[in-house]
PDB file of all heavy atoms in Angstrom:
ATOM      1  N   VAL A   1      99.569  96.752  84.152  1.00  0.00           N
ATOM      2  CA  VAL A   1      98.501  96.474  85.173  1.00  0.00           C
ATOM      3  C   VAL A   1      98.032  95.047  84.970  1.00  0.00           C
ATOM      4  O   VAL A   1      97.722  94.613  83.850  1.00  0.00           O
ATOM      5  CB  VAL A   1      97.308  97.417  84.984  1.00  0.00           C
ATOM      6  CG1 VAL A   1      96.340  97.228  86.181  1.00  0.00           C
ATOM      7  CG2 VAL A   1      97.870  98.845  84.961  1.00  0.00           C
ATOM      8  N   PHE A   2      98.025  94.296  86.058  1.00  0.00           N
ATOM      9  CA  PHE A   2      97.526  92.898  86.011  1.00  0.00           C
ATOM     10  C   PHE A   2      96.782  92.614  87.256  1.00  0.00           C
ATOM     11  O   PHE A   2      96.763  93.339  88.257  1.00  0.00           O
ATOM     12  CB  PHE A   2      98.702  91.963  85.860  1.00  0.00           C
ATOM     13  CG  PHE A   2      99.837  92.214  86.876  1.00  0.00           C
ATOM     14  CD1 PHE A   2      99.808  91.671  88.132  1.00  0.00           C
ATOM     15  CD2 PHE A   2     100.920  93.039  86.550  1.00  0.00           C
ATOM     16  CE1 PHE A   2     100.819  91.887  89.013  1.00  0.00           C
ATOM     17  CE2 PHE A   2     101.961  93.300  87.441  1.00  0.00           C
ATOM     18  CZ  PHE A   2     101.884  92.716  88.759  1.00  0.00           C
ATOM     19  N   VAL A   3      96.003  91.495  87.143  1.00  0.00           N
ATOM     20  CA  VAL A   3      95.123  91.092  88.255  1.00  0.00           C
ATOM     21  C   VAL A   3      95.857  90.058  89.113  1.00  0.00           C
ATOM     22  O   VAL A   3      96.666  89.261  88.611  1.00  0.00           O
ATOM     23  CB  VAL A   3      93.833  90.496  87.677  1.00  0.00           C
ATOM     24  CG1 VAL A   3      92.901  89.981  88.808  1.00  0.00           C
ATOM     25  CG2 VAL A   3      93.089  91.522  86.857  1.00  0.00           C
ATOM     26  N   GLU A   4      95.551  90.103  90.385  1.00  0.00           N
ATOM     27  CA  GLU A   4      96.099  89.071  91.332  1.00  0.00           C
ATOM     28  C   GLU A   4      95.862  87.683  90.810  1.00  0.00           C
ATOM     29  O   GLU A   4      94.776  87.327  90.285  1.00  0.00           O
ATOM     30  CB  GLU A   4      95.367  89.256  92.676  1.00  0.00           C
ATOM     31  CG  GLU A   4      95.951  88.327  93.783  1.00  0.00           C
ATOM     32  CD  GLU A   4      95.260  88.512  95.085  1.00  0.00           C
ATOM     33  OE1 GLU A   4      94.246  89.166  95.102  1.00  0.00           O
ATOM     34  OE2 GLU A   4      95.665  87.898  96.119  1.00  0.00           O
ATOM     35  N   ASN A   5      96.929  86.884  90.884  1.00  0.00           N
ATOM     36  CA  ASN A   5      96.873  85.501  90.447  1.00  0.00           C
ATOM     37  C   ASN A   5      96.755  85.307  88.954  1.00  0.00           C
ATOM     38  O   ASN A   5      96.378  84.222  88.428  1.00  0.00           O
ATOM     39  CB  ASN A   5      95.717  84.706  91.147  1.00  0.00           C
ATOM     40  CG  ASN A   5      95.825  84.639  92.633  1.00  0.00           C
ATOM     41  OD1 ASN A   5      97.014  84.596  93.131  1.00  0.00           O
ATOM     42  ND2 ASN A   5      94.793  84.710  93.344  1.00  0.00           N
ATOM     43  N   ASP A   6      97.067  86.414  88.189  1.00  0.00           N
ATOM     44  CA  ASP A   6      97.148  86.233  86.670  1.00  0.00           C
ATOM     45  C   ASP A   6      98.320  85.256  86.408  1.00  0.00           C
ATOM     46  O   ASP A   6      99.255  85.141  87.093  1.00  0.00           O
ATOM     47  CB  ASP A   6      97.429  87.604  86.072  1.00  0.00           C
ATOM     48  CG  ASP A   6      96.149  88.218  85.584  1.00  0.00           C
ATOM     49  OD1 ASP A   6      95.037  87.579  85.680  1.00  0.00           O
ATOM     50  OD2 ASP A   6      96.187  89.324  85.040  1.00  0.00           O
ATOM     51  N   ALA A   7      98.198  84.659  85.183  1.00  0.00           N
ATOM     52  CA  ALA A   7      99.224  83.762  84.744  1.00  0.00           C
ATOM     53  C   ALA A   7     100.532  84.564  84.461  1.00  0.00           C
ATOM     54  O   ALA A   7     101.588  84.037  84.594  1.00  0.00           O
ATOM     55  CB  ALA A   7      98.805  83.030  83.498  1.00  0.00           C
ATOM     56  N   VAL A   8     100.389  85.792  83.951  1.00  0.00           N
ATOM     57  CA  VAL A   8     101.514  86.600  83.689  1.00  0.00           C
ATOM     58  C   VAL A   8     101.590  87.798  84.673  1.00  0.00           C
ATOM     59  O   VAL A   8     100.737  88.638  84.587  1.00  0.00           O
ATOM     60  CB  VAL A   8     101.525  87.155  82.200  1.00  0.00           C
ATOM     61  CG1 VAL A   8     102.768  88.042  81.945  1.00  0.00           C
ATOM     62  CG2 VAL A   8     101.493  85.968  81.226  1.00  0.00           C
ATOM     63  N   THR A   9     102.525  87.774  85.533  1.00  0.00           N
ATOM     64  CA  THR A   9     102.605  88.839  86.560  1.00  0.00           C
ATOM     65  C   THR A   9     104.104  89.233  86.771  1.00  0.00           C
ATOM     66  O   THR A   9     105.036  88.672  86.051  1.00  0.00           O
ATOM     67  CB  THR A   9     102.086  88.385  87.907  1.00  0.00           C
ATOM     68  OG1 THR A   9     102.888  87.216  88.366  1.00  0.00           O
ATOM     69  CG2 THR A   9     100.585  87.981  87.810  1.00  0.00           C
ATOM     70  N   ALA A  10     104.316  90.285  87.503  1.00  0.00           N
ATOM     71  CA  ALA A  10     105.636  90.686  87.890  1.00  0.00           C
ATOM     72  C   ALA A  10     105.631  91.077  89.314  1.00  0.00           C
ATOM     73  O   ALA A  10     104.562  91.136  89.978  1.00  0.00           O
ATOM     74  CB  ALA A  10     106.085  91.834  86.988  1.00  0.00           C
ATOM     75  N   GLU A  11     106.775  91.457  89.891  1.00  0.00           N
ATOM     76  CA  GLU A  11     106.832  91.950  91.243  1.00  0.00           C
ATOM     77  C   GLU A  11     106.133  93.328  91.259  1.00  0.00           C
ATOM     78  O   GLU A  11     106.632  94.291  90.618  1.00  0.00           O
ATOM     79  CB  GLU A  11     108.263  92.101  91.689  1.00  0.00           C
ATOM     80  CG  GLU A  11     108.409  92.402  93.154  1.00  0.00           C
ATOM     81  CD  GLU A  11     108.111  91.196  94.043  1.00  0.00           C
ATOM     82  OE1 GLU A  11     108.210  90.057  93.584  1.00  0.00           O
ATOM     83  OE2 GLU A  11     107.766  91.463  95.211  1.00  0.00           O
ATOM     84  N   PRO A  12     104.977  93.462  91.976  1.00  0.00           N
ATOM     85  CA  PRO A  12     104.197  94.706  91.922  1.00  0.00           C
ATOM     86  C   PRO A  12     104.879  95.852  92.640  1.00  0.00           C
ATOM     87  O   PRO A  12     105.573  95.556  93.696  1.00  0.00           O
ATOM     88  CB  PRO A  12     102.922  94.346  92.539  1.00  0.00           C
ATOM     89  CG  PRO A  12     103.187  93.222  93.424  1.00  0.00           C
ATOM     90  CD  PRO A  12     104.273  92.447  92.772  1.00  0.00           C
ATOM     91  N   GLN A  13     104.769  97.016  92.184  1.00  0.00           N
ATOM     92  CA  GLN A  13     105.213  98.223  92.850  1.00  0.00           C
ATOM     93  C   GLN A  13     104.077  98.931  93.571  1.00  0.00           C
ATOM     94  O   GLN A  13     104.333  99.833  94.422  1.00  0.00           O
ATOM     95  CB  GLN A  13     105.886  99.180  91.875  1.00  0.00           C
ATOM     96  CG  GLN A  13     107.186  98.613  91.305  1.00  0.00           C
ATOM     97  CD  GLN A  13     107.689  99.528  90.233  1.00  0.00           C
ATOM     98  OE1 GLN A  13     107.083  99.731  89.202  1.00  0.00           O
ATOM     99  NE2 GLN A  13     108.906 100.008  90.388  1.00  0.00           N
ATOM    100  N   ALA A  14     102.848  98.563  93.288  1.00  0.00           N
ATOM    101  CA  ALA A  14     101.714  99.174  93.925  1.00  0.00           C
ATOM    102  C   ALA A  14     100.516  98.197  93.891  1.00  0.00           C
ATOM    103  O   ALA A  14     100.360  97.312  92.979  1.00  0.00           O
ATOM    104  CB  ALA A  14     101.303 100.541  93.311  1.00  0.00           C
ATOM    105  N   TYR A  15      99.646  98.382  94.835  1.00  0.00           N
ATOM    106  CA  TYR A  15      98.407  97.514  94.884  1.00  0.00           C
ATOM    107  C   TYR A  15      97.177  98.438  94.804  1.00  0.00           C
ATOM    108  O   TYR A  15      97.228  99.563  95.380  1.00  0.00           O
ATOM    109  CB  TYR A  15      98.337  96.810  96.222  1.00  0.00           C
ATOM    110  CG  TYR A  15      99.437  95.696  96.383  1.00  0.00           C
ATOM    111  CD1 TYR A  15     100.499  95.873  97.233  1.00  0.00           C
ATOM    112  CD2 TYR A  15      99.352  94.486  95.682  1.00  0.00           C
ATOM    113  CE1 TYR A  15     101.461  94.919  97.394  1.00  0.00           C
ATOM    114  CE2 TYR A  15     100.380  93.534  95.805  1.00  0.00           C
ATOM    115  CZ  TYR A  15     101.411  93.750  96.711  1.00  0.00           C
ATOM    116  OH  TYR A  15     102.387  92.810  96.879  1.00  0.00           O
ATOM    117  N   VAL A  16      96.104  97.928  94.165  1.00  0.00           N
ATOM    118  CA  VAL A  16      94.859  98.549  94.148  1.00  0.00           C
ATOM    119  C   VAL A  16      93.793  97.562  94.657  1.00  0.00           C
ATOM    120  O   VAL A  16      93.725  96.473  94.133  1.00  0.00           O
ATOM    121  CB  VAL A  16      94.422  99.035  92.710  1.00  0.00           C
ATOM    122  CG1 VAL A  16      93.017  99.606  92.758  1.00  0.00           C
ATOM    123  CG2 VAL A  16      95.449 100.038  92.214  1.00  0.00           C
ATOM    124  N   GLU A  17      93.042  97.948  95.744  1.00  0.00           N
ATOM    125  CA  GLU A  17      92.053  97.068  96.264  1.00  0.00           C
ATOM    126  C   GLU A  17      90.753  97.740  96.402  1.00  0.00           C
ATOM    127  O   GLU A  17      90.714  98.990  96.541  1.00  0.00           O
ATOM    128  CB  GLU A  17      92.507  96.597  97.700  1.00  0.00           C
ATOM    129  CG  GLU A  17      93.827  95.834  97.729  1.00  0.00           C
ATOM    130  CD  GLU A  17      94.215  95.451  99.110  1.00  0.00           C
ATOM    131  OE1 GLU A  17      93.796  94.382  99.570  1.00  0.00           O
ATOM    132  OE2 GLU A  17      94.980  96.232  99.800  1.00  0.00           O
ATOM    133  N   LEU A  18      89.695  96.937  96.313  1.00  0.00           N
ATOM    134  CA  LEU A  18      88.313  97.484  96.330  1.00  0.00           C
ATOM    135  C   LEU A  18      87.463  96.541  97.170  1.00  0.00           C
ATOM    136  O   LEU A  18      87.517  95.355  97.087  1.00  0.00           O
ATOM    137  CB  LEU A  18      87.746  97.594  94.897  1.00  0.00           C
ATOM    138  CG  LEU A  18      86.540  98.466  94.698  1.00  0.00           C
ATOM    139  CD1 LEU A  18      86.912  99.939  94.927  1.00  0.00           C
ATOM    140  CD2 LEU A  18      85.990  98.315  93.252  1.00  0.00           C
ATOM    141  N   SER A  19      86.619  97.140  98.011  1.00  0.00           N
ATOM    142  CA  SER A  19      85.631  96.359  98.787  1.00  0.00           C
ATOM    143  C   SER A  19      84.241  96.874  98.497  1.00  0.00           C
ATOM    144  O   SER A  19      83.888  97.986  98.770  1.00  0.00           O
ATOM    145  CB  SER A  19      85.926  96.586 100.311  1.00  0.00           C
ATOM    146  OG  SER A  19      84.989  95.917 101.070  1.00  0.00           O
ATOM    147  N   LEU A  20      83.513  96.044  97.786  1.00  0.00           N
ATOM    148  CA  LEU A  20      82.146  96.411  97.270  1.00  0.00           C
ATOM    149  C   LEU A  20      81.110  96.111  98.318  1.00  0.00           C
ATOM    150  O   LEU A  20      80.930  94.993  98.819  1.00  0.00           O
ATOM    151  CB  LEU A  20      81.836  95.681  96.012  1.00  0.00           C
ATOM    152  CG  LEU A  20      82.394  96.171  94.697  1.00  0.00           C
ATOM    153  CD1 LEU A  20      81.978  95.247  93.544  1.00  0.00           C
ATOM    154  CD2 LEU A  20      81.821  97.590  94.400  1.00  0.00           C
ATOM    155  N   SER A  21      80.202  97.064  98.635  1.00  0.00           N
ATOM    156  CA  SER A  21      79.000  96.888  99.405  1.00  0.00           C
ATOM    157  C   SER A  21      77.733  97.083  98.749  1.00  0.00           C
ATOM    158  O   SER A  21      76.657  96.609  99.164  1.00  0.00           O
ATOM    159  CB  SER A  21      79.110  97.732 100.703  1.00  0.00           C
ATOM    160  OG  SER A  21      79.208  99.086 100.320  1.00  0.00           O
ATOM    161  N   ARG A  22      77.701  97.928  97.667  1.00  0.00           N
ATOM    162  CA  ARG A  22      76.511  98.044  96.879  1.00  0.00           C
ATOM    163  C   ARG A  22      76.922  98.083  95.367  1.00  0.00           C
ATOM    164  O   ARG A  22      77.822  98.826  95.028  1.00  0.00           O
ATOM    165  CB  ARG A  22      75.743  99.294  97.213  1.00  0.00           C
ATOM    166  CG  ARG A  22      74.504  99.580  96.361  1.00  0.00           C
ATOM    167  CD  ARG A  22      73.599 100.713  96.915  1.00  0.00           C
ATOM    168  NE  ARG A  22      72.915 100.200  98.106  1.00  0.00           N
ATOM    169  CZ  ARG A  22      72.443 100.931  99.077  1.00  0.00           C
ATOM    170  NH1 ARG A  22      72.575 102.295  98.995  1.00  0.00           N
ATOM    171  NH2 ARG A  22      71.805 100.464 100.087  1.00  0.00           N
ATOM    172  N   PHE A  23      76.138  97.362  94.554  1.00  0.00           N
ATOM    173  CA  PHE A  23      76.549  97.359  93.082  1.00  0.00           C
ATOM    174  C   PHE A  23      75.204  96.970  92.367  1.00  0.00           C
ATOM    175  O   PHE A  23      75.010  95.907  91.763  1.00  0.00           O
ATOM    176  CB  PHE A  23      77.564  96.257  92.867  1.00  0.00           C
ATOM    177  CG  PHE A  23      78.360  96.356  91.539  1.00  0.00           C
ATOM    178  CD1 PHE A  23      79.257  97.471  91.386  1.00  0.00           C
ATOM    179  CD2 PHE A  23      78.285  95.460  90.608  1.00  0.00           C
ATOM    180  CE1 PHE A  23      79.917  97.545  90.186  1.00  0.00           C
ATOM    181  CE2 PHE A  23      78.949  95.621  89.432  1.00  0.00           C
ATOM    182  CZ  PHE A  23      79.823  96.611  89.245  1.00  0.00           C
ATOM    183  N   SER A  24      74.208  97.934  92.356  1.00  0.00           N
ATOM    184  CA  SER A  24      72.980  97.662  91.716  1.00  0.00           C
ATOM    185  C   SER A  24      72.153  98.959  91.729  1.00  0.00           C
ATOM    186  O   SER A  24      72.712 100.021  92.015  1.00  0.00           O
ATOM    187  CB  SER A  24      72.219  96.579  92.493  1.00  0.00           C
ATOM    188  OG  SER A  24      71.955  96.997  93.815  1.00  0.00           O
ATOM    189  N   THR A  25      70.860  98.928  91.407  1.00  0.00           N
ATOM    190  CA  THR A  25      70.019 100.056  91.545  1.00  0.00           C
ATOM    191  C   THR A  25      69.755 100.241  93.095  1.00  0.00           C
ATOM    192  O   THR A  25      69.399  99.312  93.760  1.00  0.00           O
ATOM    193  CB  THR A  25      68.677  99.862  90.815  1.00  0.00           C
ATOM    194  OG1 THR A  25      68.918  99.704  89.448  1.00  0.00           O
ATOM    195  CG2 THR A  25      67.722 100.972  91.077  1.00  0.00           C
ATOM    196  N   GLY A  26      69.953 101.439  93.505  1.00  0.00           N
ATOM    197  CA  GLY A  26      69.889 101.794  94.963  1.00  0.00           C
ATOM    198  C   GLY A  26      68.486 102.275  95.381  1.00  0.00           C
ATOM    199  O   GLY A  26      67.494 102.293  94.555  1.00  0.00           O
ATOM    200  N   PRO A  27      68.332 102.693  96.625  1.00  0.00           N
ATOM    201  CA  PRO A  27      67.013 103.182  97.079  1.00  0.00           C
ATOM    202  C   PRO A  27      66.552 104.339  96.371  1.00  0.00           C
ATOM    203  O   PRO A  27      65.332 104.660  96.315  1.00  0.00           O
ATOM    204  CB  PRO A  27      67.310 103.515  98.562  1.00  0.00           C
ATOM    205  CG  PRO A  27      68.524 102.731  98.922  1.00  0.00           C
ATOM    206  CD  PRO A  27      69.363 102.589  97.673  1.00  0.00           C
ATOM    207  N   SER A  28      67.465 105.127  95.803  1.00  0.00           N
ATOM    208  CA  SER A  28      67.146 106.421  95.104  1.00  0.00           C
ATOM    209  C   SER A  28      66.494 106.074  93.677  1.00  0.00           C
ATOM    210  O   SER A  28      65.935 107.020  93.012  1.00  0.00           O
ATOM    211  CB  SER A  28      68.302 107.300  94.899  1.00  0.00           C
ATOM    212  OG  SER A  28      69.312 106.629  94.088  1.00  0.00           O
ATOM    213  N   GLY A  29      66.584 104.784  93.253  1.00  0.00           N
ATOM    214  CA  GLY A  29      66.176 104.492  91.897  1.00  0.00           C
ATOM    215  C   GLY A  29      67.268 104.621  90.888  1.00  0.00           C
ATOM    216  O   GLY A  29      67.001 104.338  89.711  1.00  0.00           O
TER     217      GLY A  29
END
């Protein structure tokens, strides 16, 4: 497993992507 644009990579066979919209304490506390 490696990160996009890492110095050491290979031809990937799968991608994992994430789109963050909230990353903190929420309205619920």
